[in-house]
Protein backbone atom coordinates (compact mmCIF):
# COMPACT_ATOMS: atom_id res chain seq x y z
CA MET A 1 45.72 -29.26 27.23
CA ALA A 2 44.19 -26.26 25.43
CA LYS A 3 46.44 -23.89 23.54
CA ARG A 4 47.05 -20.56 25.19
CA GLU A 5 45.47 -17.76 23.19
CA ILE A 6 47.41 -14.62 22.45
CA SER A 7 45.70 -11.58 23.91
CA SER A 8 44.56 -8.79 21.62
CA ALA A 9 46.92 -6.40 23.42
CA ASP A 10 49.97 -8.65 22.89
CA GLY A 11 49.00 -9.47 19.32
CA SER A 12 48.34 -5.86 18.39
CA ALA A 13 51.63 -4.75 19.93
CA ALA A 14 53.49 -7.37 17.90
CA LEU A 15 51.73 -6.23 14.72
CA VAL A 16 52.71 -2.62 15.40
CA ALA A 17 56.35 -3.70 15.79
CA VAL A 18 56.20 -5.65 12.53
CA GLN A 19 54.60 -2.74 10.68
CA GLY A 20 57.27 -0.43 12.09
CA GLY A 21 59.93 -2.58 10.47
CA ASN A 22 61.89 -3.25 13.64
CA ALA A 23 60.28 -6.43 14.98
CA THR A 24 62.28 -9.05 16.80
CA ARG A 25 61.89 -12.72 15.91
CA LEU A 26 59.65 -13.16 18.97
CA GLN A 27 57.44 -10.23 17.92
CA THR A 28 57.20 -11.62 14.38
CA ALA A 29 56.26 -15.04 15.76
CA THR A 30 53.64 -13.47 18.03
CA ALA A 31 52.19 -11.42 15.16
CA VAL A 32 51.95 -14.50 12.92
CA ARG A 33 50.41 -16.69 15.63
CA PHE A 34 47.97 -13.96 16.64
CA THR A 35 46.76 -13.34 13.08
CA LEU A 36 46.43 -17.08 12.45
CA GLN A 37 44.41 -17.31 15.67
CA VAL A 38 42.13 -14.50 14.45
CA LEU A 39 41.76 -16.22 11.06
CA ALA A 40 40.78 -19.50 12.74
CA ASN A 41 38.21 -17.67 14.88
CA THR A 42 36.86 -15.71 11.89
CA ALA A 43 36.63 -18.74 9.59
CA PRO A 44 36.14 -21.73 11.89
CA GLY A 45 36.41 -25.18 10.39
CA ASN A 46 38.87 -27.85 9.36
CA THR A 47 38.88 -27.73 5.56
CA VAL A 48 41.99 -25.62 4.90
CA GLU A 49 45.31 -25.82 6.68
CA VAL A 50 47.23 -22.53 6.67
CA ARG A 51 50.93 -22.92 7.39
CA VAL A 52 53.41 -20.15 8.14
CA PRO A 53 56.59 -22.03 9.05
CA PRO A 54 58.26 -22.03 11.45
CA PHE A 55 55.81 -19.96 13.47
CA GLY A 56 52.42 -21.61 13.21
CA ALA A 57 49.63 -23.39 11.41
CA VAL A 58 45.85 -23.47 11.80
CA GLN A 59 42.94 -25.31 10.30
CA CYS A 60 40.05 -23.12 9.24
CA VAL A 61 37.16 -22.67 6.79
CA GLU A 62 33.93 -24.65 6.97
CA GLY A 63 33.57 -27.77 4.90
CA PRO A 64 34.66 -31.39 4.90
CA ARG A 65 36.84 -32.30 7.85
CA HIS A 66 40.33 -33.63 7.21
CA THR A 67 41.50 -36.39 9.55
CA ARG A 68 44.55 -38.26 8.16
CA GLY A 69 47.68 -37.54 6.14
CA THR A 70 48.30 -34.36 4.21
CA PRO A 71 45.17 -32.19 4.04
CA PRO A 72 43.71 -31.74 0.55
CA ASN A 73 43.58 -27.94 0.97
CA VAL A 74 46.88 -26.44 2.08
CA VAL A 75 48.09 -22.86 1.99
CA GLU A 76 51.72 -22.19 2.87
CA MET A 77 53.89 -19.09 2.85
CA ASP A 78 56.62 -17.34 4.80
CA ALA A 79 55.94 -14.89 7.62
CA PRO A 80 56.58 -11.66 5.67
CA THR A 81 54.15 -12.76 2.95
CA TRP A 82 51.46 -13.75 5.46
CA LEU A 83 51.76 -10.51 7.39
CA ALA A 84 51.69 -8.44 4.17
CA LEU A 85 48.54 -10.27 3.05
CA TRP A 86 46.99 -9.77 6.49
CA ALA A 87 47.75 -6.04 6.43
CA GLY A 88 46.44 -5.58 2.88
CA GLU A 89 49.89 -4.63 1.58
CA LEU A 90 49.86 -7.61 -0.80
CA ASP A 91 47.00 -8.93 -2.91
CA TRP A 92 46.12 -12.65 -2.72
CA VAL A 93 46.04 -13.13 -6.51
CA ASP A 94 49.40 -11.42 -6.94
CA ALA A 95 50.98 -13.43 -4.12
CA VAL A 96 49.81 -16.71 -5.66
CA ALA A 97 50.87 -15.65 -9.18
CA ASP A 98 54.33 -14.67 -7.89
CA ALA A 99 54.64 -18.05 -6.08
CA ARG A 100 54.93 -16.31 -2.73
CA VAL A 101 51.93 -18.39 -1.64
CA HIS A 102 51.65 -22.10 -2.34
CA ALA A 103 47.96 -23.02 -2.39
CA SER A 104 46.68 -26.48 -3.27
CA GLY A 105 43.14 -27.78 -3.25
CA LEU A 106 39.79 -26.48 -4.42
CA ARG A 107 39.14 -24.54 -1.21
CA ALA A 108 42.65 -23.14 -0.72
CA ASP A 109 41.71 -19.54 -1.48
CA LEU A 110 41.85 -17.13 1.45
CA SER A 111 40.97 -13.98 -0.51
CA ASP A 112 37.61 -13.73 1.28
CA TYR A 113 39.43 -13.40 4.62
CA LEU A 114 42.25 -11.04 3.64
CA PRO A 115 43.16 -8.40 4.50
CA GLY A 116 42.48 -9.49 8.04
CA VAL A 117 40.31 -7.69 10.52
CA LEU A 118 41.23 -7.59 14.19
CA PRO A 119 38.51 -8.25 16.76
CA ALA A 120 37.02 -5.16 18.38
């Protein structure tokens, strides 16, 4: 069964709520899942796994495909960090240096894709 995609309208509304500082847990989850969905569509592939627990994870970025066990390129962070990176409120290098982002592997650098850009 294919995953249900979050519509641009629903995703954008959730992002507005998050940026307004009064998002519910459901709106935060929707914003995270929507932005991960956009990332996966912008950078298709299976080389890097981006995890934002407990809300979602995607595989993205072209390159060697991972098939078993823990992927060699993993990026993990909490929802506020991911959404701040997406919005351009936090710089990738600073987030990694401050240990707000845990990135392992040679390809685990998302700076080329952040801040995120919503589809037109």
